[in-house]
C-alpha atoms as a PDB file:
ATOM      1  CA  MET A   1     -35.717 -11.084 -34.747  1.00  0.00           C
ATOM      2  CA  LYS A   2     -38.962  -9.161 -35.131  1.00  0.00           C
ATOM      3  CA  ILE A   3     -42.044 -10.181 -33.180  1.00  0.00           C
ATOM      4  CA  VAL A   4     -45.568  -8.817 -33.464  1.00  0.00           C
ATOM      5  CA  LEU A   5     -47.697  -9.536 -30.436  1.00  0.00           C
ATOM      6  CA  PRO A   6     -51.271  -8.707 -31.534  1.00  0.00           C
ATOM      7  CA  ILE A   7     -52.491  -8.013 -28.011  1.00  0.00           C
ATOM      8  CA  ARG A   8     -51.898  -5.250 -25.499  1.00  0.00           C
ATOM      9  CA  VAL A   9     -49.288  -6.040 -22.859  1.00  0.00           C
ATOM     10  CA  PRO A  10     -50.828  -5.241 -19.463  1.00  0.00           C
ATOM     11  CA  SER A  11     -49.104  -2.794 -17.176  1.00  0.00           C
ATOM     12  CA  ASP A  12     -47.392  -3.818 -13.972  1.00  0.00           C
ATOM     13  CA  ASN A  13     -50.357  -2.297 -12.108  1.00  0.00           C
ATOM     14  CA  GLU A  14     -52.794  -4.649 -13.858  1.00  0.00           C
ATOM     15  CA  ILE A  15     -50.930  -7.906 -13.336  1.00  0.00           C
ATOM     16  CA  TRP A  16     -50.448  -7.973  -9.581  1.00  0.00           C
ATOM     17  CA  GLY A  17     -53.091  -8.046  -6.901  1.00  0.00           C
ATOM     18  CA  PHE A  18     -52.521  -7.850  -3.166  1.00  0.00           C
ATOM     19  CA  ALA A  19     -54.475  -9.547  -0.399  1.00  0.00           C
ATOM     20  CA  ASN A  20     -53.546 -10.395   3.172  1.00  0.00           C
ATOM     21  CA  GLY A  21     -50.051  -9.014   2.637  1.00  0.00           C
ATOM     22  CA  ARG A  22     -49.370 -11.327  -0.307  1.00  0.00           C
ATOM     23  CA  ARG A  23     -48.944 -10.615  -3.986  1.00  0.00           C
ATOM     24  CA  TYR A  24     -50.737 -12.746  -6.575  1.00  0.00           C
ATOM     25  CA  LYS A  25     -51.187 -12.862 -10.369  1.00  0.00           C
ATOM     26  CA  THR A  26     -54.489 -11.326 -11.432  1.00  0.00           C
ATOM     27  CA  SER A  27     -56.880 -12.846 -13.953  1.00  0.00           C
ATOM     28  CA  VAL A  28     -55.714 -10.131 -16.405  1.00  0.00           C
ATOM     29  CA  TYR A  29     -52.150 -11.458 -16.169  1.00  0.00           C
ATOM     30  CA  LYS A  30     -53.189 -15.097 -16.420  1.00  0.00           C
ATOM     31  CA  GLN A  31     -55.200 -14.393 -19.583  1.00  0.00           C
ATOM     32  CA  PHE A  32     -52.372 -12.324 -21.106  1.00  0.00           C
ATOM     33  CA  GLU A  33     -49.853 -15.048 -20.305  1.00  0.00           C
ATOM     34  CA  LYS A  34     -52.022 -17.707 -21.955  1.00  0.00           C
ATOM     35  CA  ASP A  35     -52.669 -15.589 -25.067  1.00  0.00           C
ATOM     36  CA  ALA A  36     -49.087 -14.345 -25.423  1.00  0.00           C
ATOM     37  CA  LEU A  37     -47.557 -17.810 -25.099  1.00  0.00           C
ATOM     38  CA  TRP A  38     -49.943 -19.049 -27.795  1.00  0.00           C
ATOM     39  CA  PHE A  39     -48.945 -16.234 -30.205  1.00  0.00           C
ATOM     40  CA  LEU A  40     -45.231 -16.640 -29.421  1.00  0.00           C
ATOM     41  CA  LYS A  41     -45.264 -20.326 -30.449  1.00  0.00           C
ATOM     42  CA  ALA A  42     -44.788 -19.141 -34.040  1.00  0.00           C
ATOM     43  CA  TYR A  43     -41.310 -17.720 -33.274  1.00  0.00           C
ATOM     44  CA  PRO A  44     -38.028 -19.655 -32.928  1.00  0.00           C
ATOM     45  CA  LYS A  45     -36.947 -20.576 -29.426  1.00  0.00           C
ATOM     46  CA  GLN A  46     -33.541 -19.885 -27.873  1.00  0.00           C
ATOM     47  CA  SER A  47     -32.245 -18.076 -30.936  1.00  0.00           C
ATOM     48  CA  PHE A  48     -29.731 -16.376 -28.666  1.00  0.00           C
ATOM     49  CA  GLY A  49     -27.034 -17.932 -26.478  1.00  0.00           C
ATOM     50  CA  ASN A  50     -27.190 -17.855 -22.679  1.00  0.00           C
ATOM     51  CA  LYS A  51     -24.408 -15.288 -22.432  1.00  0.00           C
ATOM     52  CA  THR A  52     -25.483 -13.124 -25.363  1.00  0.00           C
ATOM     53  CA  ALA A  53     -26.121  -9.446 -24.582  1.00  0.00           C
ATOM     54  CA  LEU A  54     -29.338  -8.338 -26.265  1.00  0.00           C
ATOM     55  CA  GLN A  55     -30.893  -5.100 -27.417  1.00  0.00           C
ATOM     56  CA  CYS A  56     -34.677  -4.969 -27.344  1.00  0.00           C
ATOM     57  CA  SER A  57     -36.767  -2.317 -29.114  1.00  0.00           C
ATOM     58  CA  VAL A  58     -40.429  -2.215 -28.135  1.00  0.00           C
ATOM     59  CA  THR A  59     -43.156  -0.189 -29.836  1.00  0.00           C
ATOM     60  CA  ASN A  60     -46.575  -0.205 -28.207  1.00  0.00           C
ATOM     61  CA  TYR A  61     -49.542   0.721 -30.407  1.00  0.00           C
ATOM     62  CA  TRP A  62     -52.261   1.875 -28.009  1.00  0.00           C
ATOM     63  CA  GLN A  63     -55.610   3.556 -28.466  1.00  0.00           C
ATOM     64  CA  ARG A  64     -55.143   5.524 -25.231  1.00  0.00           C
ATOM     65  CA  ALA A  65     -51.399   6.104 -25.588  1.00  0.00           C
ATOM     66  CA  GLY A  66     -51.444   9.386 -23.664  1.00  0.00           C
ATOM     67  CA  ALA A  67     -52.923   7.701 -20.605  1.00  0.00           C
ATOM     68  CA  ARG A  68     -50.526   4.725 -20.527  1.00  0.00           C
ATOM     69  CA  ASP A  69     -47.180   4.599 -18.759  1.00  0.00           C
ATOM     70  CA  ILE A  70     -44.522   3.616 -21.276  1.00  0.00           C
ATOM     71  CA  TRP A  71     -42.350   1.706 -18.758  1.00  0.00           C
ATOM     72  CA  ASN A  72     -44.919  -0.416 -16.930  1.00  0.00           C
ATOM     73  CA  PRO A  73     -45.294  -3.259 -19.479  1.00  0.00           C
ATOM     74  CA  LEU A  74     -41.541  -3.867 -19.850  1.00  0.00           C
ATOM     75  CA  LYS A  75     -41.097  -6.291 -16.955  1.00  0.00           C
ATOM     76  CA  VAL A  76     -44.125  -8.295 -18.050  1.00  0.00           C
ATOM     77  CA  LEU A  77     -42.795  -8.450 -21.601  1.00  0.00           C
ATOM     78  CA  GLY A  78     -39.315  -9.576 -20.516  1.00  0.00           C
ATOM     79  CA  ASP A  79     -40.808 -12.301 -18.368  1.00  0.00           C
ATOM     80  CA  ILE A  80     -43.055 -13.637 -21.135  1.00  0.00           C
ATOM     81  CA  LEU A  81     -40.223 -13.629 -23.707  1.00  0.00           C
ATOM     82  CA  THR A  82     -38.160 -15.667 -21.245  1.00  0.00           C
ATOM     83  CA  ARG A  83     -40.997 -18.033 -20.384  1.00  0.00           C
ATOM     84  CA  SER A  84     -41.736 -18.630 -24.079  1.00  0.00           C
ATOM     85  CA  GLY A  85     -38.098 -19.616 -24.656  1.00  0.00           C
ATOM     86  CA  ILE A  86     -37.387 -16.867 -27.194  1.00  0.00           C
ATOM     87  CA  ILE A  87     -34.680 -15.360 -24.995  1.00  0.00           C
ATOM     88  CA  PRO A  88     -32.712 -17.281 -22.360  1.00  0.00           C
ATOM     89  CA  ASP A  89     -33.368 -14.737 -19.592  1.00  0.00           C
ATOM     90  CA  ASP A  90     -34.517 -11.126 -19.441  1.00  0.00           C
ATOM     91  CA  ARG A  91     -31.222 -10.373 -17.664  1.00  0.00           C
ATOM     92  CA  ASN A  92     -29.625 -10.742 -21.114  1.00  0.00           C
ATOM     93  CA  ILE A  93     -31.278  -7.480 -22.217  1.00  0.00           C
ATOM     94  CA  TRP A  94     -28.578  -4.851 -21.808  1.00  0.00           C
ATOM     95  CA  ASP A  95     -30.157  -2.134 -23.907  1.00  0.00           C
ATOM     96  CA  SER A  96     -33.802  -1.309 -24.483  1.00  0.00           C
ATOM     97  CA  ARG A  97     -35.703   1.272 -26.460  1.00  0.00           C
ATOM     98  CA  VAL A  98     -39.375   1.863 -25.855  1.00  0.00           C
ATOM     99  CA  SER A  99     -41.886   3.965 -27.726  1.00  0.00           C
ATOM    100  CA  LYS A 100     -45.634   4.311 -27.949  1.00  0.00           C
ATOM    101  CA  VAL A 101     -47.864   5.200 -30.871  1.00  0.00           C
ATOM    102  CA  LYS A 102     -51.426   6.400 -30.582  1.00  0.00           C
ATOM    103  CA  ILE A 103     -53.763   4.544 -32.918  1.00  0.00           C
ATOM    104  CA  GLY A 104     -57.406   5.063 -33.873  1.00  0.00           C
ATOM    105  CA  LYS A 105     -60.298   3.418 -32.066  1.00  0.00           C
ATOM    106  CA  GLY A 106     -60.923   0.866 -34.817  1.00  0.00           C
ATOM    107  CA  GLU A 107     -57.311  -0.280 -34.985  1.00  0.00           C
ATOM    108  CA  PRO A 108     -56.179  -3.308 -32.937  1.00  0.00           C
ATOM    109  CA  GLU A 109     -53.695  -2.663 -30.146  1.00  0.00           C
ATOM    110  CA  ARG A 110     -50.410  -4.519 -30.491  1.00  0.00           C
ATOM    111  CA  THR A 111     -46.796  -4.589 -29.414  1.00  0.00           C
ATOM    112  CA  GLU A 112     -43.919  -4.904 -31.855  1.00  0.00           C
ATOM    113  CA  ILE A 113     -40.607  -6.190 -30.509  1.00  0.00           C
ATOM    114  CA  GLU A 114     -37.262  -6.323 -32.237  1.00  0.00           C
ATOM    115  CA  ILE A 115     -34.462  -8.271 -30.544  1.00  0.00           C
ATOM    116  CA  THR A 116     -30.868  -8.119 -31.760  1.00  0.00           C
ATOM    117  CA  GLU A 117     -27.492  -9.156 -30.402  1.00  0.00           C
ATOM    118  CA  LEU A 118     -25.235  -6.371 -29.158  1.00  0.00           C
END
């Protein structure tokens, strides 16, 4: 299954805030979650069984690719794919491949995801 998410996945550093010793979801995360779930409605739900081992390839197209940590958005992405119902649980991902591509300033940032059974 190939998915194109036409928005930038926020990094782990952008999604969590801390106050009074507690962690909370930031407004950046809440907006991403809302937008991502809306875009992901177009894709089939639970295409994979609960016990299926999955391979997930992620390509991030970023304008500031050199300044972005390639690993930070992965947890956020796994969580949103689970919440949307596309995969049963991000624990089913046994293999992942991540890359980033620098794009020009006029090009829209996006994330392309390909999920296959192992």
